[in-house]
Amino acid sequence: MKGSTMLAVLAIGAGCVAAVLVWVLMMAGSANASPRLLAAISRMTYVLGASVVLCVAGGGAAVYFGRPWVAAGLGVMPVVVGVVALMVVDRASA
């Protein structure tokens, strides 16, 4: 296994772990949430889950077809989606 392929697999794994951590943060914040905030959290949870599924599938396909740098880029996309989701939830709480 080449170094770039290992990096791609690690990036996909790190993206999944980061998405789970963001999900835990959003679930912890939903304990005493208003209905508006709870709606934003549930929407962002669905978006985060969909991004993880798409990025893992796309990253796996990119590794399979010999494009490890594309796979690494796709692997870290849940981190970007998670940061945006936290910003959206923060805006909804104000």
PDB file of N, CA and C in Angstrom:
ATOM      1  N   MET A   1       0.853  -1.173   0.000  1.00  0.00           N
ATOM      2  CA  MET A   1       0.000   0.000   0.000  1.00  0.00           C
ATOM      3  C   MET A   1       0.903   1.241   0.000  1.00  0.00           C
ATOM      4  N   LYS A   2       0.613   2.137  -0.903  1.00  0.00           N
ATOM      5  CA  LYS A   2       1.401   3.364  -1.017  1.00  0.00           C
ATOM      6  C   LYS A   2       1.092   4.318   0.128  1.00  0.00           C
ATOM      7  N   GLY A   3       2.006   5.252   0.333  1.00  0.00           N
ATOM      8  CA  GLY A   3       1.832   6.235   1.390  1.00  0.00           C
ATOM      9  C   GLY A   3       0.634   7.140   1.156  1.00  0.00           C
ATOM     10  N   SER A   4       0.394   7.506  -0.097  1.00  0.00           N
ATOM     11  CA  SER A   4      -0.742   8.387  -0.378  1.00  0.00           C
ATOM     12  C   SER A   4      -2.065   7.661  -0.157  1.00  0.00           C
ATOM     13  N   THR A   5      -2.096   6.364  -0.418  1.00  0.00           N
ATOM     14  CA  THR A   5      -3.318   5.595  -0.166  1.00  0.00           C
ATOM     15  C   THR A   5      -3.561   5.475   1.333  1.00  0.00           C
ATOM     16  N   MET A   6      -2.498   5.276   2.096  1.00  0.00           N
ATOM     17  CA  MET A   6      -2.656   5.215   3.551  1.00  0.00           C
ATOM     18  C   MET A   6      -3.121   6.553   4.105  1.00  0.00           C
ATOM     19  N   LEU A   7      -2.604   7.640   3.542  1.00  0.00           N
ATOM     20  CA  LEU A   7      -3.044   8.969   3.961  1.00  0.00           C
ATOM     21  C   LEU A   7      -4.529   9.161   3.660  1.00  0.00           C
ATOM     22  N   ALA A   8      -4.967   8.685   2.510  1.00  0.00           N
ATOM     23  CA  ALA A   8      -6.376   8.808   2.145  1.00  0.00           C
ATOM     24  C   ALA A   8      -7.259   8.030   3.114  1.00  0.00           C
ATOM     25  N   VAL A   9      -6.847   6.822   3.448  1.00  0.00           N
ATOM     26  CA  VAL A   9      -7.630   6.015   4.384  1.00  0.00           C
ATOM     27  C   VAL A   9      -7.656   6.669   5.765  1.00  0.00           C
ATOM     28  N   LEU A  10      -6.540   7.201   6.206  1.00  0.00           N
ATOM     29  CA  LEU A  10      -6.498   7.907   7.491  1.00  0.00           C
ATOM     30  C   LEU A  10      -7.350   9.173   7.461  1.00  0.00           C
ATOM     31  N   ALA A  11      -7.363   9.879   6.336  1.00  0.00           N
ATOM     32  CA  ALA A  11      -8.190  11.085   6.228  1.00  0.00           C
ATOM     33  C   ALA A  11      -9.669  10.732   6.284  1.00  0.00           C
ATOM     34  N   ILE A  12     -10.053   9.642   5.650  1.00  0.00           N
ATOM     35  CA  ILE A  12     -11.456   9.207   5.702  1.00  0.00           C
ATOM     36  C   ILE A  12     -11.826   8.826   7.132  1.00  0.00           C
ATOM     37  N   GLY A  13     -10.932   8.108   7.805  1.00  0.00           N
ATOM     38  CA  GLY A  13     -11.188   7.744   9.202  1.00  0.00           C
ATOM     39  C   GLY A  13     -11.264   8.948  10.114  1.00  0.00           C
ATOM     40  N   ALA A  14     -10.364   9.905   9.920  1.00  0.00           N
ATOM     41  CA  ALA A  14     -10.374  11.118  10.740  1.00  0.00           C
ATOM     42  C   ALA A  14     -11.634  11.944  10.490  1.00  0.00           C
ATOM     43  N   GLY A  15     -12.093  11.970   9.246  1.00  0.00           N
ATOM     44  CA  GLY A  15     -13.334  12.682   8.946  1.00  0.00           C
ATOM     45  C   GLY A  15     -14.525  12.052   9.637  1.00  0.00           C
ATOM     46  N   CYS A  16     -14.551  10.728   9.685  1.00  0.00           N
ATOM     47  CA  CYS A  16     -15.647  10.037  10.378  1.00  0.00           C
ATOM     48  C   CYS A  16     -15.611  10.304  11.882  1.00  0.00           C
ATOM     49  N   VAL A  17     -14.420  10.266  12.458  1.00  0.00           N
ATOM     50  CA  VAL A  17     -14.287  10.537  13.893  1.00  0.00           C
ATOM     51  C   VAL A  17     -14.688  11.974  14.203  1.00  0.00           C
ATOM     52  N   ALA A  18     -14.274  12.912  13.385  1.00  0.00           N
ATOM     53  CA  ALA A  18     -14.645  14.315  13.601  1.00  0.00           C
ATOM     54  C   ALA A  18     -16.152  14.512  13.475  1.00  0.00           C
ATOM     55  N   ALA A  19     -16.770  13.817  12.533  1.00  0.00           N
ATOM     56  CA  ALA A  19     -18.221  13.932  12.375  1.00  0.00           C
ATOM     57  C   ALA A  19     -18.950  13.385  13.597  1.00  0.00           C
ATOM     58  N   VAL A  20     -18.458  12.292  14.140  1.00  0.00           N
ATOM     59  CA  VAL A  20     -19.077  11.741  15.355  1.00  0.00           C
ATOM     60  C   VAL A  20     -18.916  12.714  16.520  1.00  0.00           C
ATOM     61  N   LEU A  21     -17.759  13.347  16.641  1.00  0.00           N
ATOM     62  CA  LEU A  21     -17.555  14.318  17.717  1.00  0.00           C
ATOM     63  C   LEU A  21     -18.477  15.531  17.566  1.00  0.00           C
ATOM     64  N   VAL A  22     -18.658  16.000  16.347  1.00  0.00           N
ATOM     65  CA  VAL A  22     -19.577  17.119  16.119  1.00  0.00           C
ATOM     66  C   VAL A  22     -21.011  16.697  16.435  1.00  0.00           C
ATOM     67  N   TRP A  23     -21.363  15.465  16.068  1.00  0.00           N
ATOM     68  CA  TRP A  23     -22.703  14.964  16.371  1.00  0.00           C
ATOM     69  C   TRP A  23     -22.926  14.921  17.883  1.00  0.00           C
ATOM     70  N   VAL A  24     -21.924  14.470  18.635  1.00  0.00           N
ATOM     71  CA  VAL A  24     -22.038  14.424  20.095  1.00  0.00           C
ATOM     72  C   VAL A  24     -22.199  15.834  20.657  1.00  0.00           C
ATOM     73  N   LEU A  25     -21.458  16.795  20.130  1.00  0.00           N
ATOM     74  CA  LEU A  25     -21.612  18.175  20.589  1.00  0.00           C
ATOM     75  C   LEU A  25     -23.012  18.704  20.320  1.00  0.00           C
ATOM     76  N   MET A  26     -23.560  18.394  19.155  1.00  0.00           N
ATOM     77  CA  MET A  26     -24.908  18.871  18.845  1.00  0.00           C
ATOM     78  C   MET A  26     -25.955  18.176  19.712  1.00  0.00           C
ATOM     79  N   MET A  27     -25.783  16.901  19.989  1.00  0.00           N
ATOM     80  CA  MET A  27     -26.735  16.200  20.845  1.00  0.00           C
ATOM     81  C   MET A  27     -26.647  16.711  22.286  1.00  0.00           C
ATOM     82  N   ALA A  28     -25.455  17.049  22.739  1.00  0.00           N
ATOM     83  CA  ALA A  28     -25.308  17.591  24.083  1.00  0.00           C
ATOM     84  C   ALA A  28     -25.962  18.970  24.188  1.00  0.00           C
ATOM     85  N   GLY A  29     -25.934  19.726  23.122  1.00  0.00           N
ATOM     86  CA  GLY A  29     -26.550  21.047  23.133  1.00  0.00           C
ATOM     87  C   GLY A  29     -28.045  21.034  22.963  1.00  0.00           C
ATOM     88  N   SER A  30     -28.610  19.885  22.634  1.00  0.00           N
ATOM     89  CA  SER A  30     -30.047  19.835  22.393  1.00  0.00           C
ATOM     90  C   SER A  30     -30.851  19.511  23.646  1.00  0.00           C
ATOM     91  N   ALA A  31     -30.205  19.387  24.796  1.00  0.00           N
ATOM     92  CA  ALA A  31     -30.912  18.995  26.016  1.00  0.00           C
ATOM     93  C   ALA A  31     -31.951  20.039  26.428  1.00  0.00           C
ATOM     94  N   ASN A  32     -31.571  21.286  26.447  1.00  0.00           N
ATOM     95  CA  ASN A  32     -32.493  22.352  26.861  1.00  0.00           C
ATOM     96  C   ASN A  32     -32.719  23.328  25.717  1.00  0.00           C
ATOM     97  N   ALA A  33     -32.933  22.798  24.529  1.00  0.00           N
ATOM     98  CA  ALA A  33     -33.030  23.639  23.343  1.00  0.00           C
ATOM     99  C   ALA A  33     -34.462  24.104  23.107  1.00  0.00           C
ATOM    100  N   SER A  34     -34.566  25.267  22.506  1.00  0.00           N
ATOM    101  CA  SER A  34     -35.871  25.762  22.077  1.00  0.00           C
ATOM    102  C   SER A  34     -36.300  24.974  20.833  1.00  0.00           C
ATOM    103  N   PRO A  35     -37.570  25.061  20.465  1.00  0.00           N
ATOM    104  CA  PRO A  35     -38.007  24.329  19.265  1.00  0.00           C
ATOM    105  C   PRO A  35     -37.270  24.748  17.994  1.00  0.00           C
ATOM    106  N   ARG A  36     -36.961  26.023  17.884  1.00  0.00           N
ATOM    107  CA  ARG A  36     -36.221  26.510  16.710  1.00  0.00           C
ATOM    108  C   ARG A  36     -34.812  25.913  16.664  1.00  0.00           C
ATOM    109  N   LEU A  37     -34.151  25.908  17.811  1.00  0.00           N
ATOM    110  CA  LEU A  37     -32.803  25.351  17.889  1.00  0.00           C
ATOM    111  C   LEU A  37     -32.824  23.841  17.678  1.00  0.00           C
ATOM    112  N   LEU A  38     -33.823  23.175  18.214  1.00  0.00           N
ATOM    113  CA  LEU A  38     -33.933  21.729  18.031  1.00  0.00           C
ATOM    114  C   LEU A  38     -34.153  21.372  16.566  1.00  0.00           C
ATOM    115  N   ALA A  39     -34.920  22.184  15.851  1.00  0.00           N
ATOM    116  CA  ALA A  39     -35.107  21.951  14.422  1.00  0.00           C
ATOM    117  C   ALA A  39     -33.803  22.135  13.656  1.00  0.00           C
ATOM    118  N   ALA A  40     -33.040  23.154  14.024  1.00  0.00           N
ATOM    119  CA  ALA A  40     -31.748  23.381  13.365  1.00  0.00           C
ATOM    120  C   ALA A  40     -30.781  22.240  13.660  1.00  0.00           C
ATOM    121  N   ILE A  41     -30.773  21.750  14.889  1.00  0.00           N
ATOM    122  CA  ILE A  41     -29.884  20.649  15.247  1.00  0.00           C
ATOM    123  C   ILE A  41     -30.263  19.386  14.490  1.00  0.00           C
ATOM    124  N   SER A  42     -31.544  19.108  14.391  1.00  0.00           N
ATOM    125  CA  SER A  42     -31.946  17.887  13.680  1.00  0.00           C
ATOM    126  C   SER A  42     -31.636  17.984  12.186  1.00  0.00           C
ATOM    127  N   ARG A  43     -31.840  19.156  11.593  1.00  0.00           N
ATOM    128  CA  ARG A  43     -31.478  19.324  10.174  1.00  0.00           C
ATOM    129  C   ARG A  43     -29.987  19.153   9.959  1.00  0.00           C
ATOM    130  N   MET A  44     -29.188  19.757  10.810  1.00  0.00           N
ATOM    131  CA  MET A  44     -27.744  19.658  10.651  1.00  0.00           C
ATOM    132  C   MET A  44     -27.242  18.240  10.941  1.00  0.00           C
ATOM    133  N   THR A  45     -27.930  17.514  11.806  1.00  0.00           N
ATOM    134  CA  THR A  45     -27.569  16.119  12.050  1.00  0.00           C
ATOM    135  C   THR A  45     -27.779  15.294  10.793  1.00  0.00           C
ATOM    136  N   TYR A  46     -28.892  15.504  10.104  1.00  0.00           N
ATOM    137  CA  TYR A  46     -29.143  14.790   8.847  1.00  0.00           C
ATOM    138  C   TYR A  46     -28.121  15.174   7.775  1.00  0.00           C
ATOM    139  N   VAL A  47     -27.791  16.447   7.697  1.00  0.00           N
ATOM    140  CA  VAL A  47     -26.801  16.904   6.717  1.00  0.00           C
ATOM    141  C   VAL A  47     -25.434  16.301   7.020  1.00  0.00           C
ATOM    142  N   LEU A  48     -25.068  16.273   8.287  1.00  0.00           N
ATOM    143  CA  LEU A  48     -23.778  15.700   8.680  1.00  0.00           C
ATOM    144  C   LEU A  48     -23.719  14.209   8.373  1.00  0.00           C
ATOM    145  N   GLY A  49     -24.791  13.496   8.664  1.00  0.00           N
ATOM    146  CA  GLY A  49     -24.829  12.065   8.359  1.00  0.00           C
ATOM    147  C   GLY A  49     -24.746  11.790   6.870  1.00  0.00           C
ATOM    148  N   ALA A  50     -25.460  12.582   6.094  1.00  0.00           N
ATOM    149  CA  ALA A  50     -25.415  12.398   4.636  1.00  0.00           C
ATOM    150  C   ALA A  50     -24.024  12.712   4.090  1.00  0.00           C
ATOM    151  N   SER A  51     -23.377  13.734   4.638  1.00  0.00           N
ATOM    152  CA  SER A  51     -22.032  14.065   4.154  1.00  0.00           C
ATOM    153  C   SER A  51     -21.039  12.958   4.493  1.00  0.00           C
ATOM    154  N   VAL A  52     -21.190  12.340   5.647  1.00  0.00           N
ATOM    155  CA  VAL A  52     -20.290  11.245   6.010  1.00  0.00           C
ATOM    156  C   VAL A  52     -20.487  10.063   5.070  1.00  0.00           C
ATOM    157  N   VAL A  53     -21.729   9.715   4.810  1.00  0.00           N
ATOM    158  CA  VAL A  53     -22.000   8.583   3.915  1.00  0.00           C
ATOM    159  C   VAL A  53     -21.459   8.864   2.515  1.00  0.00           C
ATOM    160  N   LEU A  54     -21.718  10.061   1.999  1.00  0.00           N
ATOM    161  CA  LEU A  54     -21.240  10.396   0.654  1.00  0.00           C
ATOM    162  C   LEU A  54     -19.722  10.470   0.584  1.00  0.00           C
ATOM    163  N   CYS A  55     -19.098  11.019   1.604  1.00  0.00           N
ATOM    164  CA  CYS A  55     -17.641  11.147   1.574  1.00  0.00           C
ATOM    165  C   CYS A  55     -16.945   9.813   1.755  1.00  0.00           C
ATOM    166  N   VAL A  56     -17.500   8.934   2.575  1.00  0.00           N
ATOM    167  CA  VAL A  56     -16.893   7.608   2.718  1.00  0.00           C
ATOM    168  C   VAL A  56     -17.063   6.814   1.424  1.00  0.00           C
ATOM    169  N   ALA A  57     -18.242   6.883   0.826  1.00  0.00           N
ATOM    170  CA  ALA A  57     -18.464   6.168  -0.434  1.00  0.00           C
ATOM    171  C   ALA A  57     -17.596   6.755  -1.551  1.00  0.00           C
ATOM    172  N   GLY A  58     -17.560   8.076  -1.652  1.00  0.00           N
ATOM    173  CA  GLY A  58     -16.736   8.712  -2.679  1.00  0.00           C
ATOM    174  C   GLY A  58     -15.255   8.496  -2.450  1.00  0.00           C
ATOM    175  N   GLY A  59     -14.819   8.557  -1.188  1.00  0.00           N
ATOM    176  CA  GLY A  59     -13.418   8.320  -0.878  1.00  0.00           C
ATOM    177  C   GLY A  59     -13.018   6.882  -1.155  1.00  0.00           C
ATOM    178  N   GLY A  60     -13.891   5.955  -0.808  1.00  0.00           N
ATOM    179  CA  GLY A  60     -13.597   4.554  -1.110  1.00  0.00           C
ATOM    180  C   GLY A  60     -13.529   4.291  -2.598  1.00  0.00           C
ATOM    181  N   ALA A  61     -14.435   4.899  -3.343  1.00  0.00           N
ATOM    182  CA  ALA A  61     -14.400   4.746  -4.800  1.00  0.00           C
ATOM    183  C   ALA A  61     -13.144   5.381  -5.388  1.00  0.00           C
ATOM    184  N   ALA A  62     -12.744   6.523  -4.853  1.00  0.00           N
ATOM    185  CA  ALA A  62     -11.536   7.178  -5.356  1.00  0.00           C
ATOM    186  C   ALA A  62     -10.288   6.345  -5.061  1.00  0.00           C
ATOM    187  N   VAL A  63     -10.234   5.724  -3.894  1.00  0.00           N
ATOM    188  CA  VAL A  63      -9.108   4.837  -3.588  1.00  0.00           C
ATOM    189  C   VAL A  63      -9.123   3.638  -4.526  1.00  0.00           C
ATOM    190  N   TYR A  64     -10.297   3.098  -4.755  1.00  0.00           N
ATOM    191  CA  TYR A  64     -10.422   1.937  -5.639  1.00  0.00           C
ATOM    192  C   TYR A  64      -9.949   2.254  -7.055  1.00  0.00           C
ATOM    193  N   PHE A  65     -10.274   3.443  -7.539  1.00  0.00           N
ATOM    194  CA  PHE A  65      -9.898   3.824  -8.898  1.00  0.00           C
ATOM    195  C   PHE A  65      -8.515   4.478  -8.977  1.00  0.00           C
ATOM    196  N   GLY A  66      -7.750   4.446  -7.882  1.00  0.00           N
ATOM    197  CA  GLY A  66      -6.372   4.925  -7.909  1.00  0.00           C
ATOM    198  C   GLY A  66      -6.206   6.417  -7.794  1.00  0.00           C
ATOM    199  N   ARG A  67      -7.131   7.100  -7.152  1.00  0.00           N
ATOM    200  CA  ARG A  67      -7.045   8.551  -6.960  1.00  0.00           C
ATOM    201  C   ARG A  67      -6.968   8.870  -5.468  1.00  0.00           C
ATOM    202  N   PRO A  68      -5.836   8.569  -4.818  1.00  0.00           N
ATOM    203  CA  PRO A  68      -5.780   8.723  -3.359  1.00  0.00           C
ATOM    204  C   PRO A  68      -5.860  10.169  -2.878  1.00  0.00           C
ATOM    205  N   TRP A  69      -5.395  11.128  -3.661  1.00  0.00           N
ATOM    206  CA  TRP A  69      -5.455  12.525  -3.209  1.00  0.00           C
ATOM    207  C   TRP A  69      -6.878  13.055  -3.258  1.00  0.00           C
ATOM    208  N   VAL A  70      -7.641  12.594  -4.229  1.00  0.00           N
ATOM    209  CA  VAL A  70      -9.069  12.947  -4.266  1.00  0.00           C
ATOM    210  C   VAL A  70      -9.772  12.326  -3.067  1.00  0.00           C
ATOM    211  N   ALA A  71      -9.403  11.085  -2.751  1.00  0.00           N
ATOM    212  CA  ALA A  71      -9.995  10.401  -1.602  1.00  0.00           C
ATOM    213  C   ALA A  71      -9.658  11.114  -0.299  1.00  0.00           C
ATOM    214  N   ALA A  72      -8.423  11.599  -0.179  1.00  0.00           N
ATOM    215  CA  ALA A  72      -8.039  12.341   1.024  1.00  0.00           C
ATOM    216  C   ALA A  72      -8.838  13.639   1.142  1.00  0.00           C
ATOM    217  N   GLY A  73      -9.039  14.310   0.024  1.00  0.00           N
ATOM    218  CA  GLY A  73      -9.859  15.521   0.043  1.00  0.00           C
ATOM    219  C   GLY A  73     -11.295  15.242   0.419  1.00  0.00           C
ATOM    220  N   LEU A  74     -11.839  14.176  -0.120  1.00  0.00           N
ATOM    221  CA  LEU A  74     -13.205  13.797   0.238  1.00  0.00           C
ATOM    222  C   LEU A  74     -13.296  13.333   1.683  1.00  0.00           C
ATOM    223  N   GLY A  75     -12.230  12.730   2.178  1.00  0.00           N
ATOM    224  CA  GLY A  75     -12.242  12.222   3.550  1.00  0.00           C
ATOM    225  C   GLY A  75     -12.326  13.311   4.590  1.00  0.00           C
ATOM    226  N   VAL A  76     -11.767  14.476   4.319  1.00  0.00           N
ATOM    227  CA  VAL A  76     -11.816  15.562   5.297  1.00  0.00           C
ATOM    228  C   VAL A  76     -13.027  16.477   5.106  1.00  0.00           C
ATOM    229  N   MET A  77     -13.847  16.223   4.125  1.00  0.00           N
ATOM    230  CA  MET A  77     -15.026  17.065   3.912  1.00  0.00           C
ATOM    231  C   MET A  77     -16.025  17.018   5.076  1.00  0.00           C
ATOM    232  N   PRO A  78     -16.211  15.888   5.792  1.00  0.00           N
ATOM    233  CA  PRO A  78     -17.102  15.948   6.960  1.00  0.00           C
ATOM    234  C   PRO A  78     -16.632  16.924   8.032  1.00  0.00           C
ATOM    235  N   VAL A  79     -15.343  17.192   8.095  1.00  0.00           N
ATOM    236  CA  VAL A  79     -14.842  18.190   9.049  1.00  0.00           C
ATOM    237  C   VAL A  79     -15.372  19.570   8.662  1.00  0.00           C
ATOM    238  N   VAL A  80     -15.307  19.890   7.386  1.00  0.00           N
ATOM    239  CA  VAL A  80     -15.803  21.180   6.905  1.00  0.00           C
ATOM    240  C   VAL A  80     -17.310  21.281   7.126  1.00  0.00           C
ATOM    241  N   VAL A  81     -18.027  20.222   6.792  1.00  0.00           N
ATOM    242  CA  VAL A  81     -19.478  20.218   6.991  1.00  0.00           C
ATOM    243  C   VAL A  81     -19.816  20.341   8.478  1.00  0.00           C
ATOM    244  N   GLY A  82     -19.035  19.693   9.332  1.00  0.00           N
ATOM    245  CA  GLY A  82     -19.267  19.780  10.770  1.00  0.00           C
ATOM    246  C   GLY A  82     -19.060  21.181  11.307  1.00  0.00           C
ATOM    247  N   VAL A  83     -18.034  21.862  10.839  1.00  0.00           N
ATOM    248  CA  VAL A  83     -17.788  23.243  11.281  1.00  0.00           C
ATOM    249  C   VAL A  83     -18.921  24.154  10.817  1.00  0.00           C
ATOM    250  N   VAL A  84     -19.351  23.974   9.586  1.00  0.00           N
ATOM    251  CA  VAL A  84     -20.474  24.776   9.082  1.00  0.00           C
ATOM    252  C   VAL A  84     -21.745  24.458   9.862  1.00  0.00           C
ATOM    253  N   ALA A  85     -21.965  23.187  10.182  1.00  0.00           N
ATOM    254  CA  ALA A  85     -23.151  22.808  10.950  1.00  0.00           C
ATOM    255  C   ALA A  85     -23.135  23.443  12.334  1.00  0.00           C
ATOM    256  N   LEU A  86     -21.992  23.461  12.972  1.00  0.00           N
ATOM    257  CA  LEU A  86     -21.912  24.111  14.293  1.00  0.00           C
ATOM    258  C   LEU A  86     -22.155  25.609  14.193  1.00  0.00           C
ATOM    259  N   MET A  87     -21.702  26.238  13.110  1.00  0.00           N
ATOM    260  CA  MET A  87     -21.963  27.666  12.933  1.00  0.00           C
ATOM    261  C   MET A  87     -23.438  27.929  12.688  1.00  0.00           C
ATOM    262  N   VAL A  88     -24.093  27.051  11.925  1.00  0.00           N
ATOM    263  CA  VAL A  88     -25.530  27.222  11.673  1.00  0.00           C
ATOM    264  C   VAL A  88     -26.322  27.061  12.970  1.00  0.00           C
ATOM    265  N   VAL A  89     -25.963  26.056  13.766  1.00  0.00           N
ATOM    266  CA  VAL A  89     -26.657  25.845  15.030  1.00  0.00           C
ATOM    267  C   VAL A  89     -26.406  27.015  15.975  1.00  0.00           C
ATOM    268  N   ASP A  90     -25.210  27.560  15.960  1.00  0.00           N
ATOM    269  CA  ASP A  90     -24.917  28.713  16.806  1.00  0.00           C
ATOM    270  C   ASP A  90     -25.739  29.926  16.385  1.00  0.00           C
ATOM    271  N   ARG A  91     -25.895  30.129  15.074  1.00  0.00           N
ATOM    272  CA  ARG A  91     -26.721  31.242  14.598  1.00  0.00           C
ATOM    273  C   ARG A  91     -28.181  31.053  14.956  1.00  0.00           C
ATOM    274  N   ALA A  92     -28.635  29.791  14.955  1.00  0.00           N
ATOM    275  CA  ALA A  92     -30.043  29.522  15.285  1.00  0.00           C
ATOM    276  C   ALA A  92     -30.321  29.736  16.766  1.00  0.00           C
ATOM    277  N   SER A  93     -29.287  29.629  17.596  1.00  0.00           N
ATOM    278  CA  SER A  93     -29.504  29.790  19.034  1.00  0.00           C
ATOM    279  C   SER A  93     -29.595  31.255  19.439  1.00  0.00           C
ATOM    280  N   ALA A  94     -29.154  32.159  18.597  1.00  0.00           N
ATOM    281  CA  ALA A  94     -29.171  33.592  18.941  1.00  0.00           C
ATOM    282  C   ALA A  94     -30.530  34.206  18.746  1.00  0.00           C
TER     283      ALA A  94
END
